[in-house]
Protein backbone atom coordinates (compact mmCIF):
# COMPACT_ATOMS: atom_id res chain seq x y z
CA MET A 1 -88.85 94.53 -3.78
CA LEU A 2 -88.57 90.67 -3.69
CA GLU A 3 -90.79 90.83 -6.89
CA LYS A 4 -88.41 93.10 -8.65
CA ILE A 5 -85.44 91.07 -7.30
CA ARG A 6 -87.02 88.02 -9.18
CA GLU A 7 -87.75 89.87 -12.36
CA SER A 8 -84.14 91.03 -12.08
CA ILE A 9 -83.12 87.54 -12.20
CA ASP A 10 -85.12 86.81 -14.91
CA ARG A 11 -83.90 89.55 -17.09
CA ILE A 12 -80.44 88.73 -16.27
CA LYS A 13 -80.68 84.79 -17.40
CA LEU A 14 -82.40 86.17 -20.39
CA LEU A 15 -79.65 88.67 -21.39
CA SER A 16 -76.76 86.63 -20.73
CA ARG A 17 -77.70 84.16 -23.36
CA LYS A 18 -77.23 87.41 -25.89
CA LYS A 19 -74.40 89.32 -23.98
CA GLU A 20 -71.58 89.32 -21.80
CA ILE A 21 -72.30 90.09 -18.01
CA LYS A 22 -69.55 92.43 -16.81
CA ILE A 23 -69.97 93.16 -12.66
CA ILE A 24 -68.83 96.72 -11.44
CA SER A 25 -68.63 96.80 -7.16
CA HIS A 26 -67.56 99.62 -4.85
CA PHE A 27 -64.14 98.65 -3.08
CA ASP A 28 -65.41 99.19 0.68
CA THR A 29 -66.74 95.84 2.89
CA ASP A 30 -70.09 96.46 1.58
CA GLY A 31 -68.94 96.49 -1.97
CA ILE A 32 -66.74 93.65 -1.96
CA THR A 33 -69.05 91.12 0.12
CA SER A 34 -71.58 92.13 -2.23
CA ALA A 35 -69.37 91.24 -5.11
CA ALA A 36 -68.36 87.91 -3.79
CA ILE A 37 -72.17 87.03 -3.19
CA PHE A 38 -73.06 88.05 -6.78
CA SER A 39 -70.21 86.27 -8.55
CA LYS A 40 -70.88 83.36 -6.43
CA ALA A 41 -75.09 83.30 -7.47
CA LEU A 42 -74.21 83.54 -10.82
CA ALA A 43 -71.40 80.86 -11.29
CA ARG A 44 -73.73 78.61 -9.44
CA MET A 45 -76.14 79.34 -12.17
CA GLY A 46 -73.41 78.88 -14.67
CA ILE A 47 -73.32 82.54 -16.21
CA LYS A 48 -70.04 83.63 -17.31
CA PHE A 49 -68.99 86.82 -16.45
CA SER A 50 -66.36 89.66 -15.66
CA LEU A 51 -65.86 91.55 -12.54
CA GLU A 52 -64.23 94.99 -11.76
CA ILE A 53 -63.90 96.65 -8.28
CA VAL A 54 -63.87 100.05 -8.33
CA LYS A 55 -63.09 103.09 -5.75
CA GLY A 56 -65.82 105.16 -7.65
CA LEU A 57 -67.70 106.35 -10.91
CA ASP A 58 -66.32 109.28 -12.22
CA GLU A 59 -67.41 110.85 -15.74
CA ASN A 60 -64.33 109.51 -17.29
CA TYR A 61 -64.88 106.09 -16.12
CA LEU A 62 -68.30 106.01 -17.07
CA LYS A 63 -67.99 107.63 -20.84
CA GLN A 64 -65.58 104.67 -21.12
CA LEU A 65 -67.85 101.71 -20.02
CA ASP A 66 -68.22 98.94 -22.81
CA GLU A 67 -71.66 98.96 -24.21
CA SER A 68 -71.49 95.49 -25.71
CA LYS A 69 -72.16 93.99 -22.31
CA VAL A 70 -74.85 94.01 -19.56
CA LEU A 71 -73.41 95.89 -16.88
CA ILE A 72 -74.44 95.15 -13.19
CA PHE A 73 -73.65 97.75 -10.52
CA LEU A 74 -73.15 96.94 -6.92
CA ASP A 75 -73.03 99.25 -3.77
CA LEU A 76 -72.89 102.24 -6.09
CA ALA A 77 -74.45 103.98 -9.06
CA SER A 78 -77.23 105.57 -7.53
CA GLY A 79 -75.99 108.57 -7.77
CA SER A 80 -74.87 108.38 -11.33
CA LEU A 81 -78.15 108.05 -13.21
CA ASP A 82 -77.67 110.90 -15.58
CA TYR A 83 -74.52 109.52 -17.12
CA LEU A 84 -75.78 105.92 -17.22
CA LYS A 85 -78.99 107.20 -19.36
CA THR A 86 -76.44 107.93 -22.31
CA LYS A 87 -75.60 104.18 -22.35
CA ASN A 88 -76.70 101.89 -25.02
CA THR A 89 -76.83 98.97 -23.14
CA LYS A 90 -79.09 97.04 -20.47
CA MET A 91 -78.02 98.00 -16.69
CA PHE A 92 -78.57 96.87 -13.43
CA VAL A 93 -77.86 98.55 -10.03
CA PHE A 94 -78.32 96.69 -6.67
CA ASP A 95 -77.52 99.62 -3.84
CA HIS A 96 -78.97 101.20 -1.21
CA HIS A 97 -77.85 104.53 -1.45
CA GLU A 98 -80.11 107.77 -1.81
CA ILE A 99 -81.54 108.28 -5.43
CA ILE A 100 -81.97 112.14 -6.43
CA GLN A 101 -81.73 111.34 -10.25
CA GLU A 102 -84.60 110.10 -12.52
CA ILE A 103 -84.43 106.55 -13.20
CA PRO A 104 -83.42 105.86 -17.24
CA GLU A 105 -85.47 103.64 -18.73
CA ASN A 106 -82.46 101.44 -19.25
CA VAL A 107 -81.61 100.88 -15.69
CA PHE A 108 -83.42 98.05 -13.62
CA ILE A 109 -82.64 99.22 -10.01
CA ILE A 110 -83.21 97.56 -6.99
CA ASN A 111 -82.93 99.77 -4.09
CA PRO A 112 -84.73 99.72 -0.55
CA THR A 113 -84.93 103.57 -0.48
CA LEU A 114 -87.31 103.55 -3.51
CA GLU A 115 -89.79 100.47 -1.90
CA LYS A 116 -89.95 102.09 1.76
CA PHE A 117 -88.39 98.98 2.56
CA GLU A 118 -86.31 98.30 5.73
CA LYS A 119 -82.85 99.61 5.56
CA LEU A 120 -80.65 97.35 3.93
CA SER A 121 -77.04 97.08 2.84
CA SER A 122 -76.03 96.12 -0.74
CA SER A 123 -74.51 92.83 0.47
CA ALA A 124 -77.94 91.94 1.89
CA ILE A 125 -79.91 92.79 -1.29
CA CYS A 126 -77.79 90.85 -3.30
CA TYR A 127 -77.84 88.00 -0.53
CA LEU A 128 -81.61 88.40 -1.29
CA PHE A 129 -80.87 87.96 -5.20
CA ALA A 130 -78.68 84.83 -4.39
CA ARG A 131 -81.46 83.44 -2.27
CA GLU A 132 -84.29 83.83 -4.78
CA ILE A 133 -82.09 81.95 -7.25
CA SER A 134 -81.32 79.01 -4.67
CA ARG A 135 -81.56 78.10 -0.99
CA GLU A 136 -78.34 76.31 -1.78
CA ASN A 137 -76.90 80.04 -1.34
CA ILE A 138 -77.96 80.58 2.12
CA ASP A 139 -74.50 79.91 2.77
CA LEU A 140 -73.32 83.09 1.26
CA SER A 141 -75.38 84.82 4.29
CA ASN A 142 -72.48 85.56 6.67
CA LEU A 143 -70.82 87.35 3.82
CA ALA A 144 -74.23 89.75 3.75
CA VAL A 145 -73.88 89.85 7.79
CA THR A 146 -70.44 91.12 7.37
CA GLY A 147 -71.71 93.81 4.69
CA MET A 148 -74.50 94.73 6.88
CA ILE A 149 -72.06 95.10 9.92
CA GLY A 150 -69.52 96.99 7.58
CA ASP A 151 -71.92 99.37 6.65
CA LEU A 152 -73.21 100.36 10.32
CA HIS A 153 -76.63 98.61 9.87
CA ASP A 154 -75.68 96.84 13.23
CA LYS A 155 -78.14 98.85 15.37
CA HIS A 156 -81.49 98.46 12.99
CA ILE A 157 -82.19 94.33 12.84
CA GLY A 158 -85.33 94.95 10.97
CA ARG A 159 -87.25 91.69 9.91
CA ILE A 160 -84.92 90.67 6.50
CA PHE A 161 -81.77 91.33 8.56
CA GLY A 162 -82.73 89.24 11.40
CA GLU A 163 -83.97 86.36 8.72
CA ILE A 164 -80.41 86.40 7.46
CA LEU A 165 -78.70 86.53 10.83
CA ARG A 166 -80.81 83.35 11.88
CA GLU A 167 -79.64 81.84 8.15
CA GLY A 168 -76.29 82.49 8.87
CA GLU A 169 -76.60 81.06 12.49
CA THR A 170 -74.96 84.03 13.63
CA ILE A 171 -74.52 84.75 17.62
CA VAL A 172 -75.75 87.96 18.72
CA LYS A 173 -74.68 89.13 22.16
CA LYS A 174 -75.20 92.47 24.29
CA GLY A 175 -71.68 93.44 25.13
CA PHE A 176 -68.94 96.38 24.77
CA LEU A 177 -68.25 97.62 21.24
CA ILE A 178 -64.67 96.64 20.86
CA TYR A 179 -63.27 94.14 18.55
CA PRO A 180 -62.17 91.85 18.02
CA SER A 181 -64.16 90.02 20.25
CA THR A 182 -62.89 86.81 19.76
CA ARG A 183 -59.28 87.48 20.81
CA PRO A 184 -57.44 87.60 24.06
CA LEU A 185 -59.07 90.79 25.80
CA ASP A 186 -55.59 92.29 26.84
CA LYS A 187 -54.52 92.37 23.41
CA THR A 188 -57.85 93.73 22.10
CA LEU A 189 -57.84 96.61 24.58
CA GLU A 190 -54.06 97.44 24.16
CA TYR A 191 -54.64 97.98 20.19
CA SER A 192 -58.31 99.58 20.43
CA LEU A 193 -58.36 102.85 18.13
CA ASN A 194 -62.51 102.86 18.32
CA PRO A 195 -63.05 103.56 21.05
CA TYR A 196 -59.62 105.12 21.88
CA ILE A 197 -59.07 104.47 25.67
CA PRO A 198 -57.01 106.97 27.53
CA GLY A 199 -54.11 105.19 29.41
CA VAL A 200 -54.97 101.88 27.68
CA SER A 201 -54.83 102.13 23.96
CA GLY A 202 -51.24 101.62 22.86
CA ASN A 203 -50.23 100.55 26.10
CA ARG A 204 -50.14 97.13 27.71
CA GLU A 205 -49.23 98.16 31.27
CA GLY A 206 -52.43 99.88 31.06
CA ALA A 207 -54.48 97.42 29.67
CA LEU A 208 -53.55 94.68 32.23
CA ASN A 209 -54.72 97.42 35.04
CA LEU A 210 -57.94 97.84 33.46
CA LEU A 211 -58.26 93.87 33.93
CA ARG A 212 -57.03 93.91 37.27
CA GLU A 213 -59.52 96.18 38.43
CA ALA A 214 -62.35 94.46 36.58
CA GLY A 215 -60.93 91.39 38.54
CA ILE A 216 -60.40 89.35 35.47
CA LYS A 217 -57.64 86.95 35.43
CA SER A 218 -55.43 85.25 32.92
CA GLU A 219 -56.03 81.40 33.07
CA ASN A 220 -52.82 79.25 31.64
CA GLY A 221 -51.02 82.53 30.45
CA ARG A 222 -54.29 83.89 28.28
CA PHE A 223 -57.25 86.07 28.92
CA LYS A 224 -60.75 85.21 28.11
CA ALA A 225 -62.06 87.00 25.00
CA LEU A 226 -64.51 89.76 25.59
CA TYR A 227 -67.57 87.48 24.17
CA GLU A 228 -66.55 85.05 27.06
CA LEU A 229 -67.27 87.40 29.70
CA SER A 230 -69.88 87.46 31.99
CA ASP A 231 -72.24 89.76 32.31
CA ASP A 232 -71.05 91.49 35.74
CA GLU A 233 -67.39 91.29 34.16
CA MET A 234 -68.83 93.05 31.28
CA LYS A 235 -69.98 95.92 33.44
CA LYS A 236 -66.64 96.40 35.30
CA ILE A 237 -65.02 96.79 31.82
CA VAL A 238 -67.02 99.16 30.44
CA THR A 239 -67.10 101.24 33.79
CA GLY A 240 -63.34 101.14 33.70
CA VAL A 241 -63.37 102.63 30.15
CA LEU A 242 -65.69 105.27 31.10
CA LEU A 243 -63.66 106.30 34.28
CA ARG A 244 -60.77 106.75 31.87
CA ASN A 245 -62.75 108.99 29.62
CA ASN A 246 -63.59 111.44 32.59
CA GLY A 247 -67.47 111.57 31.55
CA GLU A 248 -66.43 112.63 27.57
CA ILE A 249 -68.19 109.42 26.63
CA ASP A 250 -71.66 107.96 27.17
CA GLU A 251 -72.04 104.31 28.27
CA GLU A 252 -75.05 103.79 25.40
CA SER A 253 -72.45 104.41 22.97
CA LEU A 254 -69.95 101.85 23.91
CA ILE A 255 -72.84 99.37 24.26
CA GLY A 256 -74.41 97.17 21.61
CA ASN A 257 -74.62 93.77 19.63
CA ILE A 258 -71.33 91.67 19.15
CA PHE A 259 -72.01 89.72 15.76
CA LEU A 260 -70.19 86.24 15.66
CA ILE A 261 -70.00 84.30 12.52
CA LYS A 262 -68.08 81.25 11.31
CA MET A 263 -65.20 81.79 8.78
CA PHE A 264 -62.62 79.46 7.42
CA ASN A 265 -64.51 77.47 10.31
CA LYS A 266 -63.73 79.36 13.14
CA LEU A 267 -65.86 81.83 15.00
CA GLU A 268 -65.05 85.38 14.13
CA ASP A 269 -66.41 88.89 15.30
CA ALA A 270 -68.07 90.11 12.08
CA ARG A 271 -66.94 93.81 12.65
CA GLU A 272 -63.14 92.45 12.70
CA LEU A 273 -63.68 90.59 9.40
CA SER A 274 -65.17 93.93 8.01
CA ALA A 275 -62.21 95.79 9.11
CA LEU A 276 -59.90 93.63 7.76
CA ILE A 277 -61.97 93.52 4.42
CA ASN A 278 -61.92 97.36 4.20
CA SER A 279 -58.17 97.70 4.84
CA CYS A 280 -56.84 95.48 1.97
CA SER A 281 -59.35 97.76 -0.63
CA ARG A 282 -57.94 100.95 1.36
CA MET A 283 -54.19 99.45 0.70
CA ASP A 284 -55.13 98.84 -2.94
CA LYS A 285 -55.61 95.49 -2.80
CA PRO A 286 -59.21 94.76 -3.33
CA GLU A 287 -58.52 91.51 -5.21
CA ILE A 288 -57.11 89.94 -2.09
CA ALA A 289 -60.50 91.25 -0.05
CA LEU A 290 -62.37 89.28 -2.68
CA GLY A 291 -60.27 86.09 -2.72
CA PHE A 292 -60.46 86.11 1.15
CA CYS A 293 -64.50 86.77 1.09
CA LEU A 294 -64.12 83.72 -1.55
CA GLY A 295 -62.62 81.42 0.86
CA ASN A 296 -59.34 81.36 -0.84
CA LYS A 297 -56.90 80.31 2.13
CA ALA A 298 -53.95 82.15 0.63
CA SER A 299 -55.71 85.44 0.37
CA ARG A 300 -56.43 84.93 4.22
CA GLU A 301 -52.72 84.98 4.98
CA ILE A 302 -51.96 87.78 2.76
CA ALA A 303 -55.00 90.08 3.91
CA GLU A 304 -54.11 89.31 7.44
CA LYS A 305 -50.32 91.26 6.80
CA ILE A 306 -52.28 94.06 4.97
CA TYR A 307 -54.43 94.53 7.94
CA ILE A 308 -51.73 95.07 9.95
CA ASN A 309 -49.97 97.19 7.79
CA TYR A 310 -53.29 99.28 7.59
CA LYS A 311 -53.67 99.54 11.16
CA GLN A 312 -50.11 101.11 11.22
CA SER A 313 -51.05 103.39 8.51
CA LEU A 314 -54.07 104.36 10.16
CA ALA A 315 -52.21 105.20 13.47
CA LEU A 316 -49.82 107.38 11.45
CA ALA A 317 -52.83 109.39 9.82
CA MET A 318 -54.48 109.87 13.07
CA LYS A 319 -51.23 111.57 14.26
CA ASN A 320 -51.29 113.68 11.26
CA VAL A 321 -54.71 115.00 12.35
CA SER A 322 -53.28 117.05 14.96
CA GLN A 323 -50.74 118.47 13.00
CA ILE A 324 -52.74 119.36 9.77
CA ASP A 325 -54.53 123.04 10.02
CA LYS A 326 -58.35 122.97 10.06
CA ILE A 327 -61.02 125.37 8.93
CA GLU A 328 -63.43 125.47 11.79
CA GLY A 329 -66.69 127.36 11.76
CA LYS A 330 -70.38 127.06 13.79
CA ASP A 331 -71.21 123.18 13.97
CA TYR A 332 -68.60 122.50 11.20
CA LEU A 333 -64.83 121.39 10.75
CA ILE A 334 -62.92 121.02 7.26
CA LEU A 335 -59.79 119.02 7.37
CA ASN A 336 -57.69 119.58 4.37
CA ALA A 337 -55.30 116.51 4.34
CA LYS A 338 -53.98 117.07 0.79
CA ASP A 339 -51.46 114.46 0.26
CA ARG A 340 -50.54 113.92 3.81
CA ILE A 341 -53.05 111.17 4.11
CA LYS A 342 -54.19 108.42 1.29
CA ASP A 343 -57.14 109.21 -0.20
CA THR A 344 -58.53 105.55 0.78
CA ILE A 345 -57.80 106.26 4.33
CA ILE A 346 -59.55 109.55 4.46
CA GLY A 347 -62.90 108.43 5.09
CA THR A 348 -61.88 106.16 7.95
CA VAL A 349 -60.52 109.17 9.63
CA ALA A 350 -63.39 111.15 9.26
CA SER A 351 -65.09 108.24 10.85
CA ILE A 352 -62.65 107.91 13.85
CA MET A 353 -62.98 111.73 14.25
CA SER A 354 -67.17 111.74 14.10
CA HIS A 355 -67.03 109.06 17.11
CA SER A 356 -64.52 110.93 19.31
CA PRO A 357 -65.97 112.43 22.54
CA VAL A 358 -63.97 115.66 21.63
CA TYR A 359 -66.44 116.90 19.21
CA ASP A 360 -70.06 118.16 19.91
CA ASN A 361 -72.80 116.07 18.51
CA GLY A 362 -74.31 117.42 15.19
CA LEU A 363 -70.73 118.51 14.18
CA VAL A 364 -70.52 118.29 10.50
CA ILE A 365 -66.40 116.83 9.42
CA VAL A 366 -65.89 117.26 6.16
CA ALA A 367 -62.19 115.79 5.06
CA LEU A 368 -60.03 116.18 1.88
CA ALA A 369 -57.27 113.96 0.13
CA TYR A 370 -55.62 114.28 -3.06
CA ASN A 371 -55.46 111.27 -5.42
CA GLN A 372 -53.47 112.13 -8.35
CA ASP A 373 -55.31 115.28 -10.26
CA LYS A 374 -58.27 114.25 -8.09
CA ILE A 375 -59.53 115.22 -4.30
CA LYS A 376 -61.66 112.69 -2.26
CA VAL A 377 -63.97 114.17 -0.32
CA SER A 378 -65.64 112.34 3.24
CA ALA A 379 -68.23 113.86 5.07
CA ARG A 380 -69.64 112.53 8.53
CA VAL A 381 -71.72 113.89 11.12
CA VAL A 382 -70.74 113.50 14.70
CA GLY A 383 -73.37 111.96 16.87
CA ARG A 384 -74.77 110.38 13.74
CA GLU A 385 -77.74 113.21 14.18
CA GLY A 386 -77.80 116.52 12.19
CA ARG A 387 -77.70 117.67 8.81
CA ASN A 388 -77.87 115.79 5.74
CA VAL A 389 -74.11 115.76 4.70
CA ARG A 390 -74.88 114.29 1.43
CA GLU A 391 -77.21 117.30 0.68
CA VAL A 392 -74.36 119.62 1.60
CA LEU A 393 -71.74 117.66 -0.44
CA HIS A 394 -74.33 117.93 -3.53
CA LYS A 395 -74.70 121.57 -2.98
CA ALA A 396 -71.22 122.02 -2.95
CA ILE A 397 -69.90 119.61 -5.52
CA VAL A 398 -72.18 120.11 -8.51
CA PRO A 399 -71.23 123.40 -9.07
CA VAL A 400 -68.04 122.58 -9.43
CA GLY A 401 -68.39 119.49 -11.52
CA GLY A 402 -67.74 116.66 -9.18
CA GLU A 403 -69.53 113.08 -8.47
CA VAL A 404 -71.05 112.86 -5.01
CA GLY A 405 -73.18 110.28 -3.03
CA GLY A 406 -74.12 108.46 0.10
CA HIS A 407 -76.28 108.66 3.21
CA SER A 408 -77.49 111.58 5.53
CA ASN A 409 -74.87 110.78 7.86
CA ALA A 410 -72.12 109.64 5.61
CA ALA A 411 -71.18 110.78 2.04
CA GLY A 412 -68.07 111.18 -0.07
CA GLY A 413 -67.30 112.58 -3.43
CA VAL A 414 -64.64 113.26 -5.80
CA ILE A 415 -63.68 116.55 -7.29
CA SER A 416 -60.72 117.78 -9.85
CA LYS A 417 -57.78 119.14 -8.07
CA ASP A 418 -57.77 122.10 -10.01
CA LYS A 419 -61.16 123.10 -7.97
CA GLU A 420 -59.85 122.80 -4.77
CA GLU A 421 -59.95 126.64 -3.57
CA GLU A 422 -63.49 127.00 -5.37
CA PHE A 423 -65.07 123.69 -3.70
CA ILE A 424 -64.33 124.65 0.01
CA SER A 425 -65.08 128.42 -0.47
CA GLU A 426 -68.42 127.03 -1.80
CA LEU A 427 -68.62 124.59 1.15
CA ARG A 428 -68.07 126.87 3.72
CA LYS A 429 -71.08 129.14 2.60
CA ILE A 430 -73.38 126.17 2.51
CA LEU A 431 -72.08 125.19 6.05
């Protein structure tokens, strides 16, 4: 794959002398960090380009693409190859999603799933691209780490990811998977939604009670941050959480790697940064997320405010979940939120539901939300093991003329609103 990356650099250099470059990247954390890394790398090479952040690629968007430019797709397009082959221009795809279509001759694709390479996010692939251009670009490694964490690669630290962690001087510590691990623990516990802690989440007195039970006291009016706890203190906190969940959540799911990176000259939790970046896009402000990743201080201030609003919107969306009728069958649940949950949040809602101890492992959760004349579809598997939800969505969406992409345990798609009933009927048959 590294040889193909080097070849892509040579091709892009050559093509940039004749045609303009346009980068099109996905609007989630992995896509935003990919765009930041790639644009920095091209700028340092002196290559001019334009950049667009998109929710996804539908047929109408692809038909209108400017063929006078070289098109570079980041963190998307692996599921749109049949449309790309009709375009009369050279294109590059830096992506990690599964490919089931034939690769057109005019598309140069870098995807670890083709090379039987270790699992990597698009941000990591873009970082390898930047690093091959110049070692000067290793300062972008923190963005690659954030993108990897945002795309849930934290449990699979292979050789390449390990290199990126070292180059970013990332501190990796085993601990309780609650973020931010760099803020006072009383606040972190009180505002925790994932995991949800009964009697603690949303309850300041409950958070303080848990800390008292664990024997953790404030010093000069401030509690320790999670990453500052001793192993014994960490174990006591986890025990307290387990007791409050009445055995409905296992210890293994609460423990994992905490990743601490430098951002704006401050030690930050990569999970928190990922959530902040993601929140900007989900609240229709991807340009603020991009500015944040590029080190813009004004963007940082705006992003922090957006993040607070996003968490409030997400809390309201989760409250709505309990009030929305669900279609339930053997090993599946369909949540049709219609216009009661934003289409940009529905994927996060599905993810939170899939991590809830309320649902059995292997359950397929499919959530739908309106977006004007379209419907956003998100699918997840509880416990991350079970049916391949990308294949499920592919079988249900393609017959009704929509778009689909993703992974075996997390996938998404877009269909026309007038196909709603037909899609749900087809989906139920398949499930």
